[in-house]
Amino acid sequence: MSELQHLSRDACDTLECRIESVLEKIASVELCDCVLTTDEPLTIDEFLAAAEAGCTHAAATLTKSVYCIISEVRIKQFALTVFISLDIKES
């Protein structure tokens, strides 16, 4: 039972320290921050170019962040699967 408790505690620590921090990073990503920082009026083409650049950068950041979360979840899922299969073999 202590191995299951350790695995559970490790999963909770991962959620709190890694996954939640990545989710906070995702929530703070701005799609068009560069568009609104200029004092000069923008043409439609300039606006579209700036918005596209901002969204492209944000998409890359979000994709990387999502893969970090997926990786952490898969690692914990694998550990739990191994634990369950070992527990079943011992029974």
PDB file of N, CA and C in Angstrom:
ATOM      1  N   MET A   1       0.815  -1.193   0.000  1.00  0.00           N
ATOM      2  CA  MET A   1       0.000   0.000   0.000  1.00  0.00           C
ATOM      3  C   MET A   1       0.863   1.263   0.000  1.00  0.00           C
ATOM      4  N   SER A   2       2.024   1.223   0.621  1.00  0.00           N
ATOM      5  CA  SER A   2       2.867   2.416   0.674  1.00  0.00           C
ATOM      6  C   SER A   2       3.375   2.803  -0.718  1.00  0.00           C
ATOM      7  N   GLU A   3       3.557   1.824  -1.602  1.00  0.00           N
ATOM      8  CA  GLU A   3       3.969   2.147  -2.972  1.00  0.00           C
ATOM      9  C   GLU A   3       2.872   2.900  -3.699  1.00  0.00           C
ATOM     10  N   LEU A   4       1.625   2.508  -3.467  1.00  0.00           N
ATOM     11  CA  LEU A   4       0.495   3.206  -4.073  1.00  0.00           C
ATOM     12  C   LEU A   4       0.394   4.622  -3.519  1.00  0.00           C
ATOM     13  N   GLN A   5       0.611   4.784  -2.234  1.00  0.00           N
ATOM     14  CA  GLN A   5       0.591   6.112  -1.631  1.00  0.00           C
ATOM     15  C   GLN A   5       1.711   6.976  -2.206  1.00  0.00           C
ATOM     16  N   HIS A   6       2.891   6.380  -2.384  1.00  0.00           N
ATOM     17  CA  HIS A   6       4.010   7.111  -2.964  1.00  0.00           C
ATOM     18  C   HIS A   6       3.688   7.543  -4.394  1.00  0.00           C
ATOM     19  N   LEU A   7       3.119   6.634  -5.169  1.00  0.00           N
ATOM     20  CA  LEU A   7       2.741   6.939  -6.547  1.00  0.00           C
ATOM     21  C   LEU A   7       1.680   8.036  -6.584  1.00  0.00           C
ATOM     22  N   SER A   8       0.720   7.962  -5.688  1.00  0.00           N
ATOM     23  CA  SER A   8      -0.332   8.979  -5.607  1.00  0.00           C
ATOM     24  C   SER A   8       0.249  10.333  -5.224  1.00  0.00           C
ATOM     25  N   ARG A   9       1.123  10.363  -4.249  1.00  0.00           N
ATOM     26  CA  ARG A   9       1.762  11.603  -3.815  1.00  0.00           C
ATOM     27  C   ARG A   9       2.608  12.199  -4.938  1.00  0.00           C
ATOM     28  N   ASP A  10       3.320  11.338  -5.647  1.00  0.00           N
ATOM     29  CA  ASP A  10       4.141  11.787  -6.773  1.00  0.00           C
ATOM     30  C   ASP A  10       3.273  12.387  -7.885  1.00  0.00           C
ATOM     31  N   ALA A  11       2.138  11.740  -8.150  1.00  0.00           N
ATOM     32  CA  ALA A  11       1.217  12.257  -9.172  1.00  0.00           C
ATOM     33  C   ALA A  11       0.652  13.617  -8.756  1.00  0.00           C
ATOM     34  N   CYS A  12       0.306  13.772  -7.489  1.00  0.00           N
ATOM     35  CA  CYS A  12      -0.201  15.061  -7.000  1.00  0.00           C
ATOM     36  C   CYS A  12       0.867  16.144  -7.072  1.00  0.00           C
ATOM     37  N   ASP A  13       2.102  15.797  -6.714  1.00  0.00           N
ATOM     38  CA  ASP A  13       3.202  16.761  -6.820  1.00  0.00           C
ATOM     39  C   ASP A  13       3.414  17.190  -8.261  1.00  0.00           C
ATOM     40  N   THR A  14       3.343  16.230  -9.178  1.00  0.00           N
ATOM     41  CA  THR A  14       3.495  16.542 -10.596  1.00  0.00           C
ATOM     42  C   THR A  14       2.395  17.484 -11.046  1.00  0.00           C
ATOM     43  N   LEU A  15       1.177  17.207 -10.628  1.00  0.00           N
ATOM     44  CA  LEU A  15       0.052  18.065 -10.989  1.00  0.00           C
ATOM     45  C   LEU A  15       0.271  19.475 -10.465  1.00  0.00           C
ATOM     46  N   GLU A  16       0.626  19.589  -9.190  1.00  0.00           N
ATOM     47  CA  GLU A  16       0.776  20.905  -8.582  1.00  0.00           C
ATOM     48  C   GLU A  16       1.980  21.675  -9.117  1.00  0.00           C
ATOM     49  N   CYS A  17       3.109  21.001  -9.255  1.00  0.00           N
ATOM     50  CA  CYS A  17       4.347  21.700  -9.595  1.00  0.00           C
ATOM     51  C   CYS A  17       4.590  21.854 -11.084  1.00  0.00           C
ATOM     52  N   ARG A  18       4.192  20.887 -11.858  1.00  0.00           N
ATOM     53  CA  ARG A  18       4.509  20.935 -13.285  1.00  0.00           C
ATOM     54  C   ARG A  18       3.311  21.283 -14.137  1.00  0.00           C
ATOM     55  N   ILE A  19       2.270  20.501 -14.016  1.00  0.00           N
ATOM     56  CA  ILE A  19       1.121  20.673 -14.905  1.00  0.00           C
ATOM     57  C   ILE A  19       0.419  22.001 -14.645  1.00  0.00           C
ATOM     58  N   GLU A  20       0.184  22.341 -13.385  1.00  0.00           N
ATOM     59  CA  GLU A  20      -0.503  23.592 -13.103  1.00  0.00           C
ATOM     60  C   GLU A  20       0.325  24.801 -13.523  1.00  0.00           C
ATOM     61  N   SER A  21       1.647  24.730 -13.387  1.00  0.00           N
ATOM     62  CA  SER A  21       2.468  25.857 -13.833  1.00  0.00           C
ATOM     63  C   SER A  21       2.426  26.008 -15.352  1.00  0.00           C
ATOM     64  N   VAL A  22       2.362  24.883 -16.061  1.00  0.00           N
ATOM     65  CA  VAL A  22       2.237  24.950 -17.520  1.00  0.00           C
ATOM     66  C   VAL A  22       0.869  25.510 -17.903  1.00  0.00           C
ATOM     67  N   LEU A  23      -0.176  25.105 -17.195  1.00  0.00           N
ATOM     68  CA  LEU A  23      -1.505  25.636 -17.478  1.00  0.00           C
ATOM     69  C   LEU A  23      -1.573  27.143 -17.209  1.00  0.00           C
ATOM     70  N   GLU A  24      -0.885  27.608 -16.178  1.00  0.00           N
ATOM     71  CA  GLU A  24      -0.828  29.048 -15.912  1.00  0.00           C
ATOM     72  C   GLU A  24      -0.107  29.769 -17.044  1.00  0.00           C
ATOM     73  N   LYS A  25       0.955  29.155 -17.547  1.00  0.00           N
ATOM     74  CA  LYS A  25       1.681  29.738 -18.676  1.00  0.00           C
ATOM     75  C   LYS A  25       0.780  29.818 -19.904  1.00  0.00           C
ATOM     76  N   ILE A  26       0.019  28.754 -20.148  1.00  0.00           N
ATOM     77  CA  ILE A  26      -0.905  28.738 -21.282  1.00  0.00           C
ATOM     78  C   ILE A  26      -1.931  29.862 -21.138  1.00  0.00           C
ATOM     79  N   ALA A  27      -2.448  30.035 -19.934  1.00  0.00           N
ATOM     80  CA  ALA A  27      -3.475  31.055 -19.708  1.00  0.00           C
ATOM     81  C   ALA A  27      -2.946  32.468 -19.914  1.00  0.00           C
ATOM     82  N   SER A  28      -1.651  32.667 -19.758  1.00  0.00           N
ATOM     83  CA  SER A  28      -1.092  34.013 -19.878  1.00  0.00           C
ATOM     84  C   SER A  28      -0.597  34.356 -21.282  1.00  0.00           C
ATOM     85  N   VAL A  29      -0.698  33.418 -22.211  1.00  0.00           N
ATOM     86  CA  VAL A  29      -0.224  33.677 -23.570  1.00  0.00           C
ATOM     87  C   VAL A  29      -1.136  34.693 -24.246  1.00  0.00           C
ATOM     88  N   GLU A  30      -0.516  35.749 -24.760  1.00  0.00           N
ATOM     89  CA  GLU A  30      -1.259  36.778 -25.484  1.00  0.00           C
ATOM     90  C   GLU A  30      -1.104  36.530 -26.973  1.00  0.00           C
ATOM     91  N   LEU A  31      -2.200  36.636 -27.692  1.00  0.00           N
ATOM     92  CA  LEU A  31      -2.161  36.352 -29.120  1.00  0.00           C
ATOM     93  C   LEU A  31      -1.697  37.554 -29.944  1.00  0.00           C
ATOM     94  N   CYS A  32      -2.027  38.748 -29.529  1.00  0.00           N
ATOM     95  CA  CYS A  32      -1.724  39.928 -30.348  1.00  0.00           C
ATOM     96  C   CYS A  32      -1.100  41.047 -29.531  1.00  0.00           C
ATOM     97  N   ASP A  33      -0.222  40.738 -28.602  1.00  0.00           N
ATOM     98  CA  ASP A  33       0.355  41.784 -27.762  1.00  0.00           C
ATOM     99  C   ASP A  33       1.169  42.794 -28.552  1.00  0.00           C
ATOM    100  N   CYS A  34       1.830  42.359 -29.606  1.00  0.00           N
ATOM    101  CA  CYS A  34       2.656  43.276 -30.389  1.00  0.00           C
ATOM    102  C   CYS A  34       1.801  44.270 -31.177  1.00  0.00           C
ATOM    103  N   VAL A  35       0.580  43.920 -31.474  1.00  0.00           N
ATOM    104  CA  VAL A  35      -0.297  44.789 -32.257  1.00  0.00           C
ATOM    105  C   VAL A  35      -0.698  46.017 -31.451  1.00  0.00           C
ATOM    106  N   LEU A  36      -0.908  45.867 -30.178  1.00  0.00           N
ATOM    107  CA  LEU A  36      -1.436  46.950 -29.364  1.00  0.00           C
ATOM    108  C   LEU A  36      -0.359  47.823 -28.728  1.00  0.00           C
ATOM    109  N   THR A  37       0.907  47.540 -28.947  1.00  0.00           N
ATOM    110  CA  THR A  37       1.970  48.291 -28.286  1.00  0.00           C
ATOM    111  C   THR A  37       2.428  49.515 -29.069  1.00  0.00           C
ATOM    112  N   THR A  38       1.956  49.706 -30.255  1.00  0.00           N
ATOM    113  CA  THR A  38       2.392  50.837 -31.061  1.00  0.00           C
ATOM    114  C   THR A  38       1.466  52.035 -30.875  1.00  0.00           C
ATOM    115  N   ASP A  39       2.045  53.241 -30.929  1.00  0.00           N
ATOM    116  CA  ASP A  39       1.253  54.465 -30.818  1.00  0.00           C
ATOM    117  C   ASP A  39       0.739  54.936 -32.181  1.00  0.00           C
ATOM    118  N   GLU A  40       1.364  54.443 -33.218  1.00  0.00           N
ATOM    119  CA  GLU A  40       0.980  54.830 -34.569  1.00  0.00           C
ATOM    120  C   GLU A  40      -0.164  53.946 -35.065  1.00  0.00           C
ATOM    121  N   PRO A  41      -1.066  54.533 -35.852  1.00  0.00           N
ATOM    122  CA  PRO A  41      -2.125  53.702 -36.439  1.00  0.00           C
ATOM    123  C   PRO A  41      -1.529  52.681 -37.405  1.00  0.00           C
ATOM    124  N   LEU A  42      -2.142  51.531 -37.489  1.00  0.00           N
ATOM    125  CA  LEU A  42      -1.680  50.472 -38.377  1.00  0.00           C
ATOM    126  C   LEU A  42      -2.613  50.365 -39.574  1.00  0.00           C
ATOM    127  N   THR A  43      -2.020  50.024 -40.687  1.00  0.00           N
ATOM    128  CA  THR A  43      -2.863  49.702 -41.831  1.00  0.00           C
ATOM    129  C   THR A  43      -3.432  48.298 -41.608  1.00  0.00           C
ATOM    130  N   ILE A  44      -4.404  47.947 -42.388  1.00  0.00           N
ATOM    131  CA  ILE A  44      -4.988  46.606 -42.267  1.00  0.00           C
ATOM    132  C   ILE A  44      -3.933  45.545 -42.522  1.00  0.00           C
ATOM    133  N   ASP A  45      -3.086  45.760 -43.528  1.00  0.00           N
ATOM    134  CA  ASP A  45      -2.034  44.780 -43.830  1.00  0.00           C
ATOM    135  C   ASP A  45      -1.030  44.665 -42.692  1.00  0.00           C
ATOM    136  N   GLU A  46      -0.661  45.797 -42.088  1.00  0.00           N
ATOM    137  CA  GLU A  46       0.269  45.763 -40.954  1.00  0.00           C
ATOM    138  C   GLU A  46      -0.354  45.039 -39.761  1.00  0.00           C
ATOM    139  N   PHE A  47      -1.631  45.345 -39.532  1.00  0.00           N
ATOM    140  CA  PHE A  47      -2.337  44.685 -38.439  1.00  0.00           C
ATOM    141  C   PHE A  47      -2.399  43.176 -38.650  1.00  0.00           C
ATOM    142  N   LEU A  48      -2.763  42.765 -39.851  1.00  0.00           N
ATOM    143  CA  LEU A  48      -2.849  41.336 -40.145  1.00  0.00           C
ATOM    144  C   LEU A  48      -1.492  40.650 -40.019  1.00  0.00           C
ATOM    145  N   ALA A  49      -0.440  41.300 -40.506  1.00  0.00           N
ATOM    146  CA  ALA A  49       0.902  40.725 -40.403  1.00  0.00           C
ATOM    147  C   ALA A  49       1.327  40.585 -38.939  1.00  0.00           C
ATOM    148  N   ALA A  50       1.071  41.628 -38.145  1.00  0.00           N
ATOM    149  CA  ALA A  50       1.439  41.589 -36.731  1.00  0.00           C
ATOM    150  C   ALA A  50       0.608  40.542 -35.978  1.00  0.00           C
ATOM    151  N   ALA A  51      -0.683  40.483 -36.291  1.00  0.00           N
ATOM    152  CA  ALA A  51      -1.546  39.502 -35.631  1.00  0.00           C
ATOM    153  C   ALA A  51      -1.125  38.082 -36.002  1.00  0.00           C
ATOM    154  N   GLU A  52      -0.795  37.863 -37.260  1.00  0.00           N
ATOM    155  CA  GLU A  52      -0.368  36.536 -37.691  1.00  0.00           C
ATOM    156  C   GLU A  52       0.935  36.138 -37.012  1.00  0.00           C
ATOM    157  N   ALA A  53       1.878  37.065 -36.926  1.00  0.00           N
ATOM    158  CA  ALA A  53       3.151  36.774 -36.262  1.00  0.00           C
ATOM    159  C   ALA A  53       2.922  36.455 -34.785  1.00  0.00           C
ATOM    160  N   GLY A  54       2.083  37.248 -34.129  1.00  0.00           N
ATOM    161  CA  GLY A  54       1.791  37.004 -32.717  1.00  0.00           C
ATOM    162  C   GLY A  54       1.107  35.666 -32.497  1.00  0.00           C
ATOM    163  N   CYS A  55       0.150  35.353 -33.350  1.00  0.00           N
ATOM    164  CA  CYS A  55      -0.572  34.080 -33.223  1.00  0.00           C
ATOM    165  C   CYS A  55       0.331  32.888 -33.527  1.00  0.00           C
ATOM    166  N   THR A  56       1.233  33.051 -34.493  1.00  0.00           N
ATOM    167  CA  THR A  56       2.168  31.971 -34.818  1.00  0.00           C
ATOM    168  C   THR A  56       3.082  31.684 -33.637  1.00  0.00           C
ATOM    169  N   HIS A  57       3.587  32.745 -33.015  1.00  0.00           N
ATOM    170  CA  HIS A  57       4.446  32.576 -31.841  1.00  0.00           C
ATOM    171  C   HIS A  57       3.656  31.941 -30.690  1.00  0.00           C
ATOM    172  N   ALA A  58       2.428  32.419 -30.472  1.00  0.00           N
ATOM    173  CA  ALA A  58       1.594  31.877 -29.398  1.00  0.00           C
ATOM    174  C   ALA A  58       1.279  30.410 -29.659  1.00  0.00           C
ATOM    175  N   ALA A  59       1.007  30.062 -30.902  1.00  0.00           N
ATOM    176  CA  ALA A  59       0.697  28.669 -31.240  1.00  0.00           C
ATOM    177  C   ALA A  59       1.879  27.754 -30.922  1.00  0.00           C
ATOM    178  N   ALA A  60       3.072  28.218 -31.232  1.00  0.00           N
ATOM    179  CA  ALA A  60       4.267  27.417 -30.926  1.00  0.00           C
ATOM    180  C   ALA A  60       4.433  27.240 -29.418  1.00  0.00           C
ATOM    181  N   THR A  61       4.215  28.304 -28.673  1.00  0.00           N
ATOM    182  CA  THR A  61       4.317  28.229 -27.215  1.00  0.00           C
ATOM    183  C   THR A  61       3.270  27.290 -26.641  1.00  0.00           C
ATOM    184  N   LEU A  62       2.039  27.410 -27.125  1.00  0.00           N
ATOM    185  CA  LEU A  62       0.955  26.563 -26.628  1.00  0.00           C
ATOM    186  C   LEU A  62       1.181  25.098 -26.980  1.00  0.00           C
ATOM    187  N   THR A  63       1.657  24.840 -28.186  1.00  0.00           N
ATOM    188  CA  THR A  63       1.921  23.465 -28.602  1.00  0.00           C
ATOM    189  C   THR A  63       2.980  22.826 -27.708  1.00  0.00           C
ATOM    190  N   LYS A  64       4.047  23.555 -27.454  1.00  0.00           N
ATOM    191  CA  LYS A  64       5.108  23.041 -26.581  1.00  0.00           C
ATOM    192  C   LYS A  64       4.568  22.769 -25.174  1.00  0.00           C
ATOM    193  N   SER A  65       3.757  23.673 -24.678  1.00  0.00           N
ATOM    194  CA  SER A  65       3.199  23.513 -23.342  1.00  0.00           C
ATOM    195  C   SER A  65       2.266  22.304 -23.258  1.00  0.00           C
ATOM    196  N   VAL A  66       1.439  22.121 -24.264  1.00  0.00           N
ATOM    197  CA  VAL A  66       0.525  20.982 -24.280  1.00  0.00           C
ATOM    198  C   VAL A  66       1.309  19.671 -24.321  1.00  0.00           C
ATOM    199  N   TYR A  67       2.367  19.617 -25.115  1.00  0.00           N
ATOM    200  CA  TYR A  67       3.180  18.401 -25.167  1.00  0.00           C
ATOM    201  C   TYR A  67       3.839  18.111 -23.821  1.00  0.00           C
ATOM    202  N   CYS A  68       4.214  19.147 -23.079  1.00  0.00           N
ATOM    203  CA  CYS A  68       4.779  18.926 -21.738  1.00  0.00           C
ATOM    204  C   CYS A  68       3.749  18.266 -20.828  1.00  0.00           C
ATOM    205  N   ILE A  69       2.523  18.743 -20.881  1.00  0.00           N
ATOM    206  CA  ILE A  69       1.463  18.161 -20.050  1.00  0.00           C
ATOM    207  C   ILE A  69       1.190  16.719 -20.468  1.00  0.00           C
ATOM    208  N   ILE A  70       1.070  16.487 -21.760  1.00  0.00           N
ATOM    209  CA  ILE A  70       0.809  15.133 -22.259  1.00  0.00           C
ATOM    210  C   ILE A  70       1.912  14.187 -21.821  1.00  0.00           C
ATOM    211  N   SER A  71       3.152  14.629 -21.906  1.00  0.00           N
ATOM    212  CA  SER A  71       4.285  13.801 -21.506  1.00  0.00           C
ATOM    213  C   SER A  71       4.201  13.440 -20.027  1.00  0.00           C
ATOM    214  N   GLU A  72       3.915  14.414 -19.184  1.00  0.00           N
ATOM    215  CA  GLU A  72       3.810  14.148 -17.743  1.00  0.00           C
ATOM    216  C   GLU A  72       2.682  13.169 -17.445  1.00  0.00           C
ATOM    217  N   VAL A  73       1.550  13.346 -18.093  1.00  0.00           N
ATOM    218  CA  VAL A  73       0.416  12.445 -17.861  1.00  0.00           C
ATOM    219  C   VAL A  73       0.763  11.038 -18.307  1.00  0.00           C
ATOM    220  N   ARG A  74       1.416  10.888 -19.438  1.00  0.00           N
ATOM    221  CA  ARG A  74       1.782   9.549 -19.928  1.00  0.00           C
ATOM    222  C   ARG A  74       2.773   8.863 -18.998  1.00  0.00           C
ATOM    223  N   ILE A  75       3.709   9.616 -18.458  1.00  0.00           N
ATOM    224  CA  ILE A  75       4.675   9.034 -17.524  1.00  0.00           C
ATOM    225  C   ILE A  75       3.955   8.501 -16.286  1.00  0.00           C
ATOM    226  N   LYS A  76       3.030   9.296 -15.758  1.00  0.00           N
ATOM    227  CA  LYS A  76       2.288   8.858 -14.569  1.00  0.00           C
ATOM    228  C   LYS A  76       1.366   7.683 -14.906  1.00  0.00           C
ATOM    229  N   GLN A  77       0.782   7.716 -16.078  1.00  0.00           N
ATOM    230  CA  GLN A  77      -0.090   6.615 -16.509  1.00  0.00           C
ATOM    231  C   GLN A  77       0.717   5.320 -16.623  1.00  0.00           C
ATOM    232  N   PHE A  78       1.915   5.410 -17.186  1.00  0.00           N
ATOM    233  CA  PHE A  78       2.775   4.230 -17.308  1.00  0.00           C
ATOM    234  C   PHE A  78       3.149   3.698 -15.929  1.00  0.00           C
ATOM    235  N   ALA A  79       3.523   4.593 -15.025  1.00  0.00           N
ATOM    236  CA  ALA A  79       3.896   4.152 -13.672  1.00  0.00           C
ATOM    237  C   ALA A  79       2.733   3.469 -12.982  1.00  0.00           C
ATOM    238  N   LEU A  80       1.540   4.001 -13.145  1.00  0.00           N
ATOM    239  CA  LEU A  80       0.367   3.390 -12.533  1.00  0.00           C
ATOM    240  C   LEU A  80       0.072   2.030 -13.166  1.00  0.00           C
ATOM    241  N   THR A  81       0.222   1.919 -14.470  1.00  0.00           N
ATOM    242  CA  THR A  81       0.003   0.647 -15.162  1.00  0.00           C
ATOM    243  C   THR A  81       0.982  -0.411 -14.668  1.00  0.00           C
ATOM    244  N   VAL A  82       2.242  -0.032 -14.528  1.00  0.00           N
ATOM    245  CA  VAL A  82       3.257  -0.961 -14.026  1.00  0.00           C
ATOM    246  C   VAL A  82       2.911  -1.384 -12.604  1.00  0.00           C
ATOM    247  N   PHE A  83       2.535  -0.431 -11.775  1.00  0.00           N
ATOM    248  CA  PHE A  83       2.189  -0.753 -10.390  1.00  0.00           C
ATOM    249  C   PHE A  83       1.016  -1.729 -10.337  1.00  0.00           C
ATOM    250  N   ILE A  84      -0.019  -1.463 -11.118  1.00  0.00           N
ATOM    251  CA  ILE A  84      -1.199  -2.329 -11.114  1.00  0.00           C
ATOM    252  C   ILE A  84      -0.842  -3.722 -11.607  1.00  0.00           C
ATOM    253  N   SER A  85      -0.041  -3.812 -12.672  1.00  0.00           N
ATOM    254  CA  SER A  85       0.309  -5.134 -13.197  1.00  0.00           C
ATOM    255  C   SER A  85       1.183  -5.910 -12.204  1.00  0.00           C
ATOM    256  N   LEU A  86       2.061  -5.235 -11.496  1.00  0.00           N
ATOM    257  CA  LEU A  86       2.877  -5.910 -10.477  1.00  0.00           C
ATOM    258  C   LEU A  86       2.007  -6.365  -9.318  1.00  0.00           C
ATOM    259  N   ASP A  87       1.052  -5.512  -8.936  1.00  0.00           N
ATOM    260  CA  ASP A  87       0.158  -5.850  -7.844  1.00  0.00           C
ATOM    261  C   ASP A  87      -0.705  -7.056  -8.201  1.00  0.00           C
ATOM    262  N   ILE A  88      -1.158  -7.131  -9.446  1.00  0.00           N
ATOM    263  CA  ILE A  88      -1.976  -8.255  -9.888  1.00  0.00           C
ATOM    264  C   ILE A  88      -1.149  -9.551  -9.899  1.00  0.00           C
ATOM    265  N   LYS A  89       0.108  -9.472 -10.340  1.00  0.00           N
ATOM    266  CA  LYS A  89       0.961 -10.659 -10.374  1.00  0.00           C
ATOM    267  C   LYS A  89       1.256 -11.181  -8.985  1.00  0.00           C
ATOM    268  N   GLU A  90       1.381 -10.276  -8.019  1.00  0.00           N
ATOM    269  CA  GLU A  90       1.675 -10.691  -6.647  1.00  0.00           C
ATOM    270  C   GLU A  90       0.461 -11.298  -5.964  1.00  0.00           C
ATOM    271  N   SER A  91      -0.724 -10.973  -6.436  1.00  0.00           N
ATOM    272  CA  SER A  91      -1.963 -11.485  -5.808  1.00  0.00           C
ATOM    273  C   SER A  91      -2.249 -12.920  -6.149  1.00  0.00           C
TER     274      SER A  91
END
